[in-house]
Amino acid sequence: MADTKREIERKYTSDGSGLPDLSGVAGVASVLDQGVADLDATYYDTADERLAAASITLRRRTGGADAGWHLKLPVADGERDEIREPLSEHVPSTLGALVRSRVRDAELAPVMRLRSTRDVRHLVDARGKLLAEVSVDLVRAERLSGDGGRAEWTEIEVELADGGDPAFLDEVDEQLREAGVRPAAFPSKLARALSETGGKRPARGAGRAEPVTAGDHVLAYVRAQRDAVVELDPAVRRDLEDSVHRMRVATRRMRSALRAYRSVLDRAVTDPVRAELKWLAGELGASRDHEVLAERLGAAVDELPPHLVVGPVRDRLRAWSQARDARARRRITDVLNGRRYLALLTSLDALLADPPLRAAAAAEPSKVFPKAVDKANGKVAELVERALDTPPGPDRDLALHEARKKAKRARYAAEVAAPALGTPASKPLKAMKELQKLLGEHQDGVMSRAALQELAQEAHEAGENSFTYGVLHAREEQRAARTQQAFPKAWARARRGASG
């Protein structure tokens, strides 16, 4: 089982004179010498250094207290999640899976060896509690690919203790700066090693011009969503909160943009990609829909007076939720490990590298985008009017669900246009967000009522009292009636906003 640690640290250049006195840092009672450790780390990457380009490091390290395999995924500036596995000869499959969206079919091979002599100090408070670990590292880098360059330097590293207040690092920073120490120019030892041994690569997006034409804006939007899918892949595999939802939204945004702007990108190329994006969104949707449903039902039970909760309702709901969640998790893992998913990522890369631009791509956004946004809004209006003309019941529920999907497409079409058009696109964008929220509430109610019927049947077959599920179902029906009653006025507001 992999061990995960949130690493919050800062790095500084050093002239080799050692560590300045840090005993005056606010909150520090003692600076404790922890001795010197010799560390030997081999870093793995693809031949074209894809992990390094994404600020991801994968290493096998011996020496010190945490020898083993370490994968570091960026979270924010100076903040990374370090995922650890025990020492082995080859890259652990668990870590390999977490970088698969980057690596694809390329081989992970040794690219750099860093040997460090680390002089460690612990900063502790008056109770002896660890506040931060500070080290002075003499680093010797040896490139294991290419021309085999070498480099050597000394740096100071300050790592916050687990659960510590990040503001403490500001106190240490102030003391170090007063002593003449300056922040390092590189975010990691590997980044400096690659640079100083002849392997410096531009950051992602470096040198990319600001979008000007309609094609520029559409491609920038699609590229941002492609990047989001790739970056979220490890989080989805780790089952981090909201990661599945965010990946699903990114796939839907790409699909909607490719559909709405067919005048910009040739559909003969983009339609097959859209079909695969629909497949991926569908696979992610099962997990996300269950997550939303479980939260809604759990909250509904908690809102009931105790005397209306009859029988083991919470236990059954928990078991039902866990069983569905386990199945959904297995399914998503299978999808992300499958060839079809990797093929989709590759097709997105190809589309962005050699976009199938049509004549309208070279036009100004103001000549192309308003028409596309109006067309998307028109589709929503058609379906909403149809739903309002349909009597309440399953047929109306289905019509409203279709309207909801079209509202999302219209919203994403407006998102593409907003950076170029400003207010003319932001008004329909806001209108579609509000409409989508109301339609989403309606659809969640439809799914909740179906789930409650299923739970009531299971409870009945198990000899349990199904009274509470009936109460919850009735409340969902009342909630749906209020939503449908409010819908005509909400639609009128959305229509005015969409028309500007």
Protein backbone atom coordinates (compact mmCIF):
# COMPACT_ATOMS: atom_id res chain seq x y z
CA MET A 1 0.00 0.00 0.00
CA ALA A 2 1.49 3.33 -1.08
CA ASP A 3 2.10 5.94 1.60
CA THR A 4 1.26 9.56 0.76
CA LYS A 5 2.70 12.64 2.38
CA ARG A 6 1.97 16.31 1.67
CA GLU A 7 5.36 17.99 1.30
CA ILE A 8 5.55 21.75 1.86
CA GLU A 9 9.05 23.12 1.49
CA ARG A 10 11.24 25.98 0.31
CA LYS A 11 14.67 25.84 -1.26
CA TYR A 12 17.50 28.36 -1.09
CA THR A 13 20.89 28.85 -2.69
CA SER A 14 23.93 28.40 -0.47
CA ASP A 15 27.47 29.67 -0.75
CA GLY A 16 28.75 26.64 1.14
CA SER A 17 29.20 28.50 4.42
CA GLY A 18 26.66 26.32 6.18
CA LEU A 19 23.35 27.05 7.84
CA PRO A 20 22.75 30.54 9.31
CA ASP A 21 21.64 30.77 12.94
CA LEU A 22 17.90 30.07 13.10
CA SER A 23 17.50 30.10 16.87
CA GLY A 24 15.90 33.55 16.65
CA VAL A 25 12.99 32.42 14.47
CA ALA A 26 9.68 33.12 16.21
CA GLY A 27 8.43 29.98 17.94
CA VAL A 28 11.75 28.13 17.81
CA ALA A 29 13.06 27.04 21.20
CA SER A 30 15.89 24.79 19.97
CA VAL A 31 17.81 23.90 16.83
CA LEU A 32 18.73 20.21 17.15
CA ASP A 33 21.55 18.61 15.18
CA GLN A 34 20.36 15.39 13.52
CA GLY A 35 23.67 14.43 11.95
CA VAL A 36 24.69 13.85 8.34
CA ALA A 37 23.12 11.41 5.89
CA ASP A 38 24.30 10.24 2.48
CA LEU A 39 21.50 9.97 -0.07
CA ASP A 40 21.69 8.36 -3.49
CA ALA A 41 18.74 8.91 -5.83
CA THR A 42 18.15 7.80 -9.41
CA TYR A 43 15.46 9.74 -11.27
CA TYR A 44 13.32 8.13 -13.96
CA ASP A 45 11.65 9.77 -16.93
CA THR A 46 10.92 9.28 -20.61
CA ALA A 47 13.61 10.03 -23.20
CA ASP A 48 11.94 13.37 -23.95
CA GLU A 49 11.55 14.13 -20.22
CA ARG A 50 7.75 14.37 -20.10
CA LEU A 51 7.59 14.09 -16.31
CA ALA A 52 10.11 16.87 -15.81
CA ALA A 53 8.15 19.09 -18.20
CA ALA A 54 5.12 18.61 -15.93
CA SER A 55 7.15 19.24 -12.72
CA ILE A 56 6.71 15.59 -11.70
CA THR A 57 9.58 13.59 -10.24
CA LEU A 58 9.92 9.82 -9.92
CA ARG A 59 12.97 8.50 -8.10
CA ARG A 60 14.48 5.48 -6.40
CA ARG A 61 16.48 6.60 -3.37
CA THR A 62 18.67 4.83 -0.84
CA GLY A 63 20.01 6.30 2.37
CA GLY A 64 18.20 8.38 4.97
CA ALA A 65 15.05 7.51 6.88
CA ASP A 66 12.72 7.27 3.88
CA ALA A 67 14.60 5.07 1.41
CA GLY A 68 12.36 3.75 -1.37
CA TRP A 69 10.51 4.88 -4.46
CA HIS A 70 9.08 8.40 -4.37
CA LEU A 71 6.66 10.00 -6.83
CA LYS A 72 6.13 13.74 -6.34
CA LEU A 73 3.08 15.38 -7.90
CA PRO A 74 2.75 19.19 -7.87
CA VAL A 75 -0.08 20.70 -5.84
CA ALA A 76 0.92 24.38 -5.67
CA ASP A 77 4.11 26.44 -5.54
CA GLY A 78 6.38 24.80 -2.97
CA GLU A 79 3.79 22.11 -2.29
CA ARG A 80 3.75 18.53 -3.57
CA ASP A 81 2.18 15.19 -2.76
CA GLU A 82 4.90 12.60 -2.24
CA ILE A 83 3.69 9.04 -2.80
CA ARG A 84 6.06 6.36 -1.48
CA GLU A 85 6.59 2.69 -2.17
CA PRO A 86 9.22 0.33 -0.71
CA LEU A 87 12.53 -0.30 -2.46
CA SER A 88 12.43 -2.63 -5.44
CA GLU A 89 14.43 -3.11 -8.60
CA HIS A 90 11.80 -1.76 -10.98
CA VAL A 91 9.30 1.10 -11.00
CA PRO A 92 6.34 -0.02 -8.84
CA SER A 93 3.19 -0.56 -10.89
CA THR A 94 1.20 1.71 -8.57
CA LEU A 95 3.49 4.65 -9.33
CA GLY A 96 3.71 3.77 -13.01
CA ALA A 97 -0.08 3.96 -13.24
CA LEU A 98 -0.11 7.45 -11.69
CA VAL A 99 2.09 8.83 -14.49
CA ARG A 100 0.54 6.83 -17.32
CA SER A 101 -1.40 9.79 -18.76
CA ARG A 102 1.97 11.50 -19.24
CA VAL A 103 4.15 8.57 -20.19
CA ARG A 104 1.65 6.70 -22.43
CA ASP A 105 3.59 3.93 -24.22
CA ALA A 106 7.04 5.45 -23.70
CA GLU A 107 9.61 3.71 -21.50
CA LEU A 108 10.55 5.02 -18.08
CA ALA A 109 14.34 4.90 -17.78
CA PRO A 110 17.04 6.41 -15.53
CA VAL A 111 17.87 9.96 -16.60
CA MET A 112 19.69 11.46 -13.60
CA ARG A 113 21.59 10.39 -10.52
CA LEU A 114 21.79 12.77 -7.57
CA ARG A 115 24.07 11.99 -4.64
CA SER A 116 23.62 14.30 -1.68
CA THR A 117 25.44 14.77 1.60
CA ARG A 118 22.72 16.11 3.86
CA ASP A 119 23.41 17.94 7.13
CA VAL A 120 20.09 18.01 9.00
CA ARG A 121 18.70 20.26 11.76
CA HIS A 122 15.33 20.11 13.49
CA LEU A 123 13.57 23.31 14.54
CA VAL A 124 11.45 22.52 17.62
CA ASP A 125 9.23 24.54 19.94
CA ALA A 126 9.36 24.77 23.73
CA ARG A 127 7.52 21.44 24.09
CA GLY A 128 9.93 19.69 21.76
CA LYS A 129 7.44 19.54 18.91
CA LEU A 130 8.99 19.50 15.44
CA LEU A 131 8.22 22.65 13.46
CA ALA A 132 10.40 22.10 10.42
CA GLU A 133 13.39 20.16 9.16
CA VAL A 134 16.22 22.22 7.72
CA SER A 135 19.08 20.71 5.77
CA VAL A 136 22.20 21.85 3.97
CA ASP A 137 22.65 19.60 0.95
CA LEU A 138 25.85 19.17 -1.03
CA VAL A 139 24.50 17.81 -4.31
CA ARG A 140 26.44 15.99 -7.05
CA ALA A 141 24.44 15.45 -10.23
CA GLU A 142 25.27 13.01 -13.00
CA ARG A 143 23.19 12.80 -16.18
CA LEU A 144 22.54 9.20 -17.16
CA SER A 145 21.39 9.97 -20.69
CA GLY A 146 22.69 12.07 -23.55
CA ASP A 147 26.22 13.36 -23.08
CA GLY A 148 26.35 12.45 -19.41
CA GLY A 149 26.98 15.95 -18.02
CA ARG A 150 27.81 16.63 -14.37
CA ALA A 151 27.11 19.44 -11.91
CA GLU A 152 27.63 20.21 -8.24
CA TRP A 153 26.10 22.75 -5.88
CA THR A 154 25.00 23.37 -2.30
CA GLU A 155 21.49 24.33 -1.27
CA ILE A 156 19.40 24.82 1.84
CA GLU A 157 16.03 23.08 2.12
CA VAL A 158 13.34 23.89 4.70
CA GLU A 159 10.49 21.37 4.97
CA LEU A 160 7.46 22.03 7.14
CA ALA A 161 6.62 19.35 9.70
CA ASP A 162 3.51 17.26 9.06
CA GLY A 163 0.43 19.25 10.02
CA GLY A 164 2.44 22.43 10.56
CA ASP A 165 1.31 25.98 9.83
CA PRO A 166 2.71 27.11 6.43
CA ALA A 167 3.05 30.61 7.89
CA PHE A 168 5.98 29.30 9.92
CA LEU A 169 7.99 29.00 6.72
CA ASP A 170 7.60 32.76 6.29
CA GLU A 171 9.32 33.26 9.66
CA VAL A 172 12.21 31.05 8.61
CA ASP A 173 12.36 32.77 5.24
CA GLU A 174 12.70 36.17 6.89
CA GLN A 175 15.59 34.97 9.06
CA LEU A 176 17.39 33.40 6.10
CA ARG A 177 17.02 36.52 3.97
CA GLU A 178 18.40 38.67 6.78
CA ALA A 179 21.44 36.37 6.74
CA GLY A 180 21.88 36.99 3.02
CA VAL A 181 20.40 33.69 1.80
CA ARG A 182 18.22 33.89 -1.30
CA PRO A 183 15.53 31.58 -2.73
CA ALA A 184 16.71 28.99 -5.22
CA ALA A 185 16.14 29.64 -8.92
CA PHE A 186 14.78 26.11 -9.45
CA PRO A 187 11.78 24.40 -7.79
CA SER A 188 13.61 21.09 -7.30
CA LYS A 189 17.04 19.49 -7.35
CA LEU A 190 16.11 17.59 -10.49
CA ALA A 191 15.11 20.76 -12.34
CA ARG A 192 18.49 22.33 -11.55
CA ALA A 193 20.35 19.15 -12.44
CA LEU A 194 18.62 18.92 -15.82
CA SER A 195 19.41 22.54 -16.53
CA GLU A 196 23.06 22.43 -15.49
CA THR A 197 23.79 19.16 -17.28
CA GLY A 198 22.35 20.30 -20.60
CA GLY A 199 18.73 19.21 -20.30
CA LYS A 200 16.77 22.39 -19.63
CA ARG A 201 13.37 22.36 -21.29
CA PRO A 202 10.80 25.15 -21.63
CA ALA A 203 7.87 25.15 -19.25
CA ARG A 204 4.52 24.00 -20.56
CA GLY A 205 2.98 26.65 -22.77
CA ALA A 206 6.22 28.65 -22.98
CA GLY A 207 6.39 30.78 -26.09
CA ARG A 208 2.71 30.27 -26.91
CA ALA A 209 1.17 33.47 -28.28
CA GLU A 210 -1.99 35.01 -26.88
CA PRO A 211 -5.07 33.91 -28.86
CA VAL A 212 -6.15 36.35 -31.55
CA THR A 213 -8.26 34.58 -34.15
CA ALA A 214 -11.37 32.49 -33.62
CA GLY A 215 -9.26 29.39 -34.20
CA ASP A 216 -6.74 30.51 -31.59
CA HIS A 217 -9.44 30.85 -28.94
CA VAL A 218 -11.12 27.52 -29.69
CA LEU A 219 -7.80 25.67 -29.66
CA ALA A 220 -6.70 27.39 -26.43
CA TYR A 221 -9.93 26.25 -24.76
CA VAL A 222 -9.63 22.67 -25.99
CA ARG A 223 -5.95 22.57 -25.00
CA ALA A 224 -6.76 23.76 -21.46
CA GLN A 225 -9.35 21.00 -21.08
CA ARG A 226 -6.99 18.36 -22.50
CA ASP A 227 -4.38 19.47 -19.99
CA ALA A 228 -6.96 19.25 -17.20
CA VAL A 229 -7.79 15.64 -18.08
CA VAL A 230 -4.12 14.65 -18.10
CA GLU A 231 -3.40 16.48 -14.84
CA LEU A 232 -6.46 15.04 -13.09
CA ASP A 233 -5.68 11.46 -14.08
CA PRO A 234 -3.53 10.72 -10.99
CA ALA A 235 -6.11 12.34 -8.70
CA VAL A 236 -8.90 10.19 -10.15
CA ARG A 237 -6.79 7.07 -9.67
CA ARG A 238 -6.17 8.11 -6.06
CA ASP A 239 -9.90 8.76 -5.55
CA LEU A 240 -9.32 12.35 -4.43
CA GLU A 241 -12.37 14.46 -3.70
CA ASP A 242 -14.12 16.01 -6.72
CA SER A 243 -11.50 14.66 -9.15
CA VAL A 244 -13.92 12.49 -11.14
CA HIS A 245 -16.37 15.38 -11.46
CA ARG A 246 -13.68 17.77 -12.67
CA MET A 247 -12.37 15.29 -15.25
CA ARG A 248 -15.88 14.64 -16.49
CA VAL A 249 -16.51 18.38 -16.86
CA ALA A 250 -13.27 18.79 -18.82
CA THR A 251 -14.31 16.07 -21.28
CA ARG A 252 -17.74 17.65 -21.69
CA ARG A 253 -16.23 21.07 -22.27
CA MET A 254 -14.02 19.73 -25.04
CA ARG A 255 -16.87 17.86 -26.65
CA SER A 256 -19.16 20.90 -26.53
CA ALA A 257 -16.51 23.21 -27.97
CA LEU A 258 -15.79 20.84 -30.85
CA ARG A 259 -19.52 20.65 -31.60
CA ALA A 260 -20.34 24.35 -31.26
CA TYR A 261 -17.42 25.51 -33.40
CA ARG A 262 -17.66 23.22 -36.37
CA SER A 263 -17.22 26.27 -38.55
CA VAL A 264 -13.72 26.58 -37.07
CA LEU A 265 -12.58 22.94 -36.91
CA ASP A 266 -13.39 20.31 -39.53
CA ARG A 267 -15.96 17.90 -38.11
CA ALA A 268 -14.63 15.05 -40.25
CA VAL A 269 -11.66 15.07 -37.87
CA THR A 270 -13.34 16.23 -34.65
CA ASP A 271 -16.51 14.07 -34.72
CA PRO A 272 -14.62 10.81 -34.01
CA VAL A 273 -12.84 12.58 -31.14
CA ARG A 274 -16.17 13.87 -29.84
CA ALA A 275 -17.55 10.34 -29.87
CA GLU A 276 -14.68 9.13 -27.71
CA LEU A 277 -15.07 12.08 -25.34
CA LYS A 278 -18.75 11.15 -24.97
CA TRP A 279 -17.69 7.60 -24.10
CA LEU A 280 -15.22 8.80 -21.45
CA ALA A 281 -17.72 11.23 -19.91
CA GLY A 282 -20.23 8.40 -19.71
CA GLU A 283 -17.78 6.12 -17.93
CA LEU A 284 -16.93 8.87 -15.44
CA GLY A 285 -20.58 9.77 -15.04
CA ALA A 286 -21.61 6.58 -13.28
CA SER A 287 -19.28 7.34 -10.39
CA ARG A 288 -20.13 11.03 -10.25
CA ASP A 289 -23.90 10.50 -10.43
CA HIS A 290 -23.70 7.97 -7.62
CA GLU A 291 -21.60 10.35 -5.51
CA VAL A 292 -24.16 13.16 -5.89
CA LEU A 293 -27.04 10.78 -5.21
CA ALA A 294 -25.48 9.31 -2.06
CA GLU A 295 -24.81 12.79 -0.66
CA ARG A 296 -28.37 13.91 -1.40
CA LEU A 297 -30.01 10.86 0.19
CA GLY A 298 -27.73 10.98 3.22
CA ALA A 299 -28.55 14.63 3.81
CA ALA A 300 -32.28 13.90 3.38
CA VAL A 301 -32.17 11.21 6.08
CA ASP A 302 -30.27 13.55 8.44
CA GLU A 303 -32.99 16.20 7.98
CA LEU A 304 -35.78 13.85 9.10
CA PRO A 305 -37.07 13.98 12.69
CA PRO A 306 -35.86 10.88 14.60
CA HIS A 307 -39.34 9.39 14.85
CA LEU A 308 -39.58 9.22 11.05
CA VAL A 309 -36.40 7.16 10.70
CA VAL A 310 -37.70 3.62 11.20
CA GLY A 311 -35.36 0.65 10.91
CA PRO A 312 -31.70 0.45 9.84
CA VAL A 313 -32.10 3.13 7.15
CA ARG A 314 -28.66 4.67 7.54
CA ASP A 315 -26.94 1.27 7.58
CA ARG A 316 -28.75 0.17 4.41
CA LEU A 317 -28.01 3.46 2.68
CA ARG A 318 -24.35 3.21 3.66
CA ALA A 319 -24.05 -0.38 2.40
CA TRP A 320 -25.86 0.51 -0.83
CA SER A 321 -23.57 3.48 -1.37
CA GLN A 322 -20.35 1.60 -0.62
CA ALA A 323 -21.26 -1.28 -2.94
CA ARG A 324 -22.01 1.06 -5.83
CA ASP A 325 -18.96 3.15 -5.14
CA ALA A 326 -16.68 0.10 -5.16
CA ARG A 327 -18.07 -1.02 -8.51
CA ALA A 328 -17.71 2.46 -9.96
CA ARG A 329 -14.13 2.75 -8.71
CA ARG A 330 -13.15 -0.56 -10.30
CA ARG A 331 -14.76 0.48 -13.55
CA ILE A 332 -12.96 3.82 -13.69
CA THR A 333 -9.61 2.18 -12.95
CA ASP A 334 -10.19 -0.29 -15.77
CA VAL A 335 -11.06 2.57 -18.12
CA LEU A 336 -7.95 4.60 -17.25
CA ASN A 337 -5.76 1.51 -17.67
CA GLY A 338 -7.32 0.64 -21.02
CA ARG A 339 -5.99 1.21 -24.52
CA ARG A 340 -9.07 3.16 -25.59
CA TYR A 341 -8.42 5.93 -23.06
CA LEU A 342 -4.77 6.27 -24.07
CA ALA A 343 -5.81 6.35 -27.72
CA LEU A 344 -8.17 9.23 -26.92
CA LEU A 345 -5.38 11.21 -25.25
CA THR A 346 -3.16 10.59 -28.27
CA SER A 347 -5.89 11.72 -30.67
CA LEU A 348 -6.33 14.94 -28.69
CA ASP A 349 -2.59 15.56 -28.87
CA ALA A 350 -2.68 15.03 -32.63
CA LEU A 351 -5.65 17.35 -33.08
CA LEU A 352 -3.94 20.14 -31.17
CA ALA A 353 -0.57 19.60 -32.85
CA ASP A 354 -2.09 19.71 -36.36
CA PRO A 355 -5.55 21.29 -36.02
CA PRO A 356 -8.01 20.76 -38.89
CA LEU A 357 -8.73 24.47 -39.34
CA ARG A 358 -11.48 25.71 -41.61
CA ALA A 359 -11.71 29.14 -43.23
CA ALA A 360 -13.57 30.68 -40.26
CA ALA A 361 -10.63 29.86 -37.97
CA ALA A 362 -8.70 32.84 -39.37
CA ALA A 363 -11.58 35.28 -38.76
CA GLU A 364 -11.98 37.63 -35.83
CA PRO A 365 -13.89 36.05 -32.91
CA SER A 366 -16.61 38.71 -33.19
CA LYS A 367 -17.40 37.42 -36.68
CA VAL A 368 -17.74 33.78 -35.62
CA PHE A 369 -18.60 33.37 -31.96
CA PRO A 370 -21.94 35.22 -31.59
CA LYS A 371 -23.55 33.02 -34.22
CA ALA A 372 -22.31 29.84 -32.55
CA VAL A 373 -23.50 30.98 -29.10
CA ASP A 374 -26.91 32.03 -30.43
CA LYS A 375 -27.32 28.68 -32.17
CA ALA A 376 -26.51 26.80 -28.96
CA ASN A 377 -28.96 28.95 -27.01
CA GLY A 378 -31.62 28.33 -29.64
CA LYS A 379 -31.29 24.56 -29.12
CA VAL A 380 -31.91 25.07 -25.42
CA ALA A 381 -34.96 27.23 -26.04
CA GLU A 382 -36.47 24.64 -28.38
CA LEU A 383 -36.15 21.84 -25.82
CA VAL A 384 -37.29 23.91 -22.86
CA GLU A 385 -40.42 25.06 -24.68
CA ARG A 386 -41.14 21.45 -25.62
CA ALA A 387 -40.73 20.37 -21.99
CA LEU A 388 -43.04 23.12 -20.72
CA ASP A 389 -45.69 22.01 -23.18
CA THR A 390 -45.46 18.43 -21.92
CA PRO A 391 -47.66 17.37 -18.95
CA PRO A 392 -45.78 16.52 -15.73
CA GLY A 393 -44.53 12.96 -15.72
CA PRO A 394 -41.77 10.79 -17.20
CA ASP A 395 -41.98 12.42 -20.62
CA ARG A 396 -41.47 15.88 -19.18
CA ASP A 397 -38.66 14.59 -16.97
CA LEU A 398 -36.89 13.24 -20.05
CA ALA A 399 -37.46 16.48 -21.98
CA LEU A 400 -36.04 18.56 -19.12
CA HIS A 401 -33.04 16.25 -18.89
CA GLU A 402 -32.33 16.77 -22.59
CA ALA A 403 -32.71 20.52 -22.09
CA ARG A 404 -30.21 20.35 -19.25
CA LYS A 405 -27.62 18.70 -21.48
CA LYS A 406 -28.16 21.35 -24.16
CA ALA A 407 -27.87 24.10 -21.52
CA LYS A 408 -24.46 22.74 -20.56
CA ARG A 409 -23.37 22.79 -24.19
CA ALA A 410 -24.55 26.37 -24.56
CA ARG A 411 -22.75 27.35 -21.40
CA TYR A 412 -19.47 25.85 -22.60
CA ALA A 413 -19.86 27.48 -26.01
CA ALA A 414 -20.17 30.81 -24.22
CA GLU A 415 -17.09 29.99 -22.13
CA VAL A 416 -15.03 29.69 -25.31
CA ALA A 417 -16.28 33.06 -26.51
CA ALA A 418 -16.10 34.97 -23.21
CA PRO A 419 -12.36 35.85 -23.24
CA ALA A 420 -12.71 37.35 -26.73
CA LEU A 421 -16.17 38.92 -26.56
CA GLY A 422 -16.39 39.97 -22.92
CA THR A 423 -19.87 41.11 -21.79
CA PRO A 424 -21.79 39.92 -24.89
CA ALA A 425 -20.72 36.36 -24.01
CA SER A 426 -20.71 36.66 -20.23
CA LYS A 427 -24.47 37.43 -20.05
CA PRO A 428 -25.58 34.23 -21.80
CA LEU A 429 -22.93 32.34 -19.84
CA LYS A 430 -24.47 33.47 -16.54
CA ALA A 431 -27.97 32.77 -17.82
CA MET A 432 -27.09 29.21 -18.80
CA LYS A 433 -25.36 28.56 -15.47
CA GLU A 434 -28.53 29.50 -13.59
CA LEU A 435 -30.74 27.46 -15.88
CA GLN A 436 -28.42 24.47 -15.69
CA LYS A 437 -28.51 24.60 -11.89
CA LEU A 438 -32.32 24.45 -11.80
CA LEU A 439 -32.45 21.67 -14.37
CA GLY A 440 -29.79 19.80 -12.43
CA GLU A 441 -31.88 19.99 -9.28
CA HIS A 442 -34.80 18.51 -11.18
CA GLN A 443 -32.74 15.63 -12.60
CA ASP A 444 -31.21 14.86 -9.20
CA GLY A 445 -34.74 14.56 -7.85
CA VAL A 446 -35.69 12.12 -10.61
CA MET A 447 -32.68 9.94 -9.81
CA SER A 448 -33.32 10.16 -6.06
CA ARG A 449 -36.89 8.93 -6.38
CA ALA A 450 -35.76 5.97 -8.48
CA ALA A 451 -33.05 5.10 -5.94
CA LEU A 452 -35.51 5.33 -3.04
CA GLN A 453 -37.84 2.89 -4.77
CA GLU A 454 -34.90 0.49 -5.19
CA LEU A 455 -33.90 0.86 -1.54
CA ALA A 456 -37.46 0.37 -0.35
CA GLN A 457 -37.73 -2.84 -2.35
CA GLU A 458 -34.43 -4.15 -0.93
CA ALA A 459 -35.51 -3.27 2.61
CA HIS A 460 -38.88 -4.99 2.13
CA GLU A 461 -37.23 -8.17 0.81
CA ALA A 462 -34.90 -8.16 3.83
CA GLY A 463 -37.88 -7.97 6.20
CA GLU A 464 -37.19 -4.34 7.18
CA ASN A 465 -39.72 -1.55 7.57
CA SER A 466 -39.78 0.56 4.37
CA PHE A 467 -41.77 3.45 5.88
CA THR A 468 -38.88 5.93 5.88
CA TYR A 469 -38.14 5.43 2.18
CA GLY A 470 -41.76 6.33 1.44
CA VAL A 471 -41.44 9.48 3.52
CA LEU A 472 -38.28 10.46 1.65
CA HIS A 473 -39.93 9.71 -1.70
CA ALA A 474 -42.87 11.95 -0.82
CA ARG A 475 -40.52 14.74 0.16
CA GLU A 476 -38.67 14.40 -3.13
CA GLU A 477 -41.99 14.65 -4.98
CA GLN A 478 -42.81 17.86 -3.09
CA ARG A 479 -39.37 19.23 -3.88
CA ALA A 480 -39.84 18.40 -7.56
CA ALA A 481 -43.22 20.13 -7.62
CA ARG A 482 -41.67 23.32 -6.22
CA THR A 483 -38.88 23.15 -8.79
CA GLN A 484 -41.28 22.71 -11.69
CA GLN A 485 -43.47 25.51 -10.37
CA ALA A 486 -40.49 27.87 -10.33
CA PHE A 487 -39.22 26.80 -13.70
CA PRO A 488 -41.30 29.02 -16.08
CA LYS A 489 -40.14 32.22 -14.36
CA ALA A 490 -36.57 30.98 -14.19
CA TRP A 491 -36.67 30.16 -17.89
CA ALA A 492 -38.01 33.63 -18.70
CA ARG A 493 -35.06 35.18 -16.84
CA ALA A 494 -32.59 32.86 -18.56
CA ARG A 495 -34.07 33.64 -21.98
CA ARG A 496 -33.72 37.38 -21.40
CA GLY A 497 -30.12 36.89 -20.26
CA ALA A 498 -29.28 34.67 -23.21
CA SER A 499 -30.66 37.23 -25.65
CA GLY A 500 -28.54 39.96 -24.09
